[in-house]
Amino acid sequence: MYYVYILKSNSYPEKFYTGYTRDLKRRLKEHNSKGNKSHTAKFQPWKLHTYIAFDDKDTAQNFETYLKTQAGRRFQKLRFKVS
């Protein structure tokens, strides 16, 4: 399975992050790890807000890409209560 996920920052509740992975537990641990050098490091710790499972990689990647567009952000606000 491939997962598109939305994380919410515990420290900055207005901050959300969208991504995709095959291993949701591992990826959340990576976002919250002390050695994390990515964009998400400064907003740690993160918690899982929403995730959706897909059985194929292309569909998951396409949905993640859509969620990062202006229309996708509106969709997130309306359907997933992401601010």
Protein backbone atom coordinates (compact mmCIF):
# COMPACT_ATOMS: atom_id res chain seq x y z
CA MET A 1 0.00 0.00 0.00
CA TYR A 2 0.96 3.63 -0.55
CA TYR A 3 -0.18 6.29 1.90
CA VAL A 4 -0.84 9.97 1.38
CA TYR A 5 -0.69 11.60 4.78
CA ILE A 6 -1.26 14.94 6.44
CA LEU A 7 0.70 15.77 9.57
CA LYS A 8 -0.18 18.45 12.09
CA SER A 9 2.45 20.16 14.23
CA ASN A 10 1.90 19.88 17.98
CA SER A 11 4.06 22.97 18.59
CA TYR A 12 2.51 25.08 15.82
CA PRO A 13 -1.11 23.86 15.38
CA GLU A 14 -1.59 26.00 12.26
CA LYS A 15 1.19 24.09 10.43
CA PHE A 16 0.40 21.04 8.33
CA TYR A 17 2.55 18.90 6.06
CA THR A 18 1.43 16.60 3.23
CA GLY A 19 3.47 13.69 1.89
CA TYR A 20 3.33 10.10 0.71
CA THR A 21 5.10 6.90 1.71
CA ARG A 22 4.91 3.11 1.76
CA ASP A 23 5.70 2.95 5.50
CA LEU A 24 3.62 5.41 7.49
CA LYS A 25 5.03 4.59 10.95
CA ARG A 26 8.64 4.87 9.76
CA ARG A 27 7.97 8.14 7.95
CA LEU A 28 6.32 9.75 10.99
CA LYS A 29 9.33 8.72 13.10
CA GLU A 30 11.63 10.32 10.50
CA HIS A 31 9.69 13.59 10.61
CA ASN A 32 9.99 13.62 14.41
CA SER A 33 13.62 12.47 14.67
CA LYS A 34 16.26 14.72 16.21
CA GLY A 35 18.48 14.33 13.13
CA ASN A 36 15.76 15.48 10.72
CA LYS A 37 17.16 18.21 8.45
CA SER A 38 14.07 18.70 6.29
CA HIS A 39 11.46 21.48 6.24
CA THR A 40 9.47 19.67 8.92
CA ALA A 41 12.29 19.78 11.54
CA LYS A 42 11.47 23.26 12.82
CA PHE A 43 7.83 22.39 13.52
CA GLN A 44 8.39 19.17 15.53
CA PRO A 45 6.78 17.23 17.03
CA TRP A 46 4.26 16.08 14.44
CA LYS A 47 1.17 13.93 14.81
CA LEU A 48 -0.78 12.12 12.14
CA HIS A 49 -3.86 14.16 11.18
CA THR A 50 -5.19 12.17 8.20
CA TYR A 51 -4.05 9.41 5.88
CA ILE A 52 -5.46 7.67 2.84
CA ALA A 53 -4.26 4.31 1.51
CA PHE A 54 -3.86 3.57 -2.20
CA ASP A 55 -2.93 0.28 -3.83
CA ASP A 56 -0.82 1.86 -6.53
CA LYS A 57 2.05 4.33 -6.42
CA ASP A 58 0.97 6.56 -9.31
CA THR A 59 -2.44 7.25 -7.80
CA ALA A 60 -0.89 8.09 -4.43
CA GLN A 61 1.68 10.42 -6.00
CA ASN A 62 -0.99 12.12 -8.11
CA PHE A 63 -3.23 12.67 -5.08
CA GLU A 64 -0.33 14.06 -3.04
CA THR A 65 0.54 16.43 -5.91
CA TYR A 66 -3.11 17.53 -6.11
CA LEU A 67 -3.28 18.21 -2.36
CA LYS A 68 -0.31 20.56 -2.72
CA THR A 69 -2.08 22.70 -5.34
CA GLN A 70 -4.32 25.66 -4.53
CA ALA A 71 -7.43 23.58 -5.27
CA GLY A 72 -6.05 20.73 -3.17
CA ARG A 73 -5.44 23.03 -0.21
CA ARG A 74 -9.06 24.21 -0.44
CA PHE A 75 -10.13 20.55 -0.51
CA GLN A 76 -8.04 19.87 2.63
CA LYS A 77 -9.62 22.80 4.47
CA LEU A 78 -13.12 21.71 3.53
CA ARG A 79 -12.80 17.93 3.94
CA PHE A 80 -9.96 17.39 6.43
CA LYS A 81 -10.29 20.55 8.57
CA VAL A 82 -6.74 21.63 7.73
CA SER A 83 -6.22 25.35 8.33
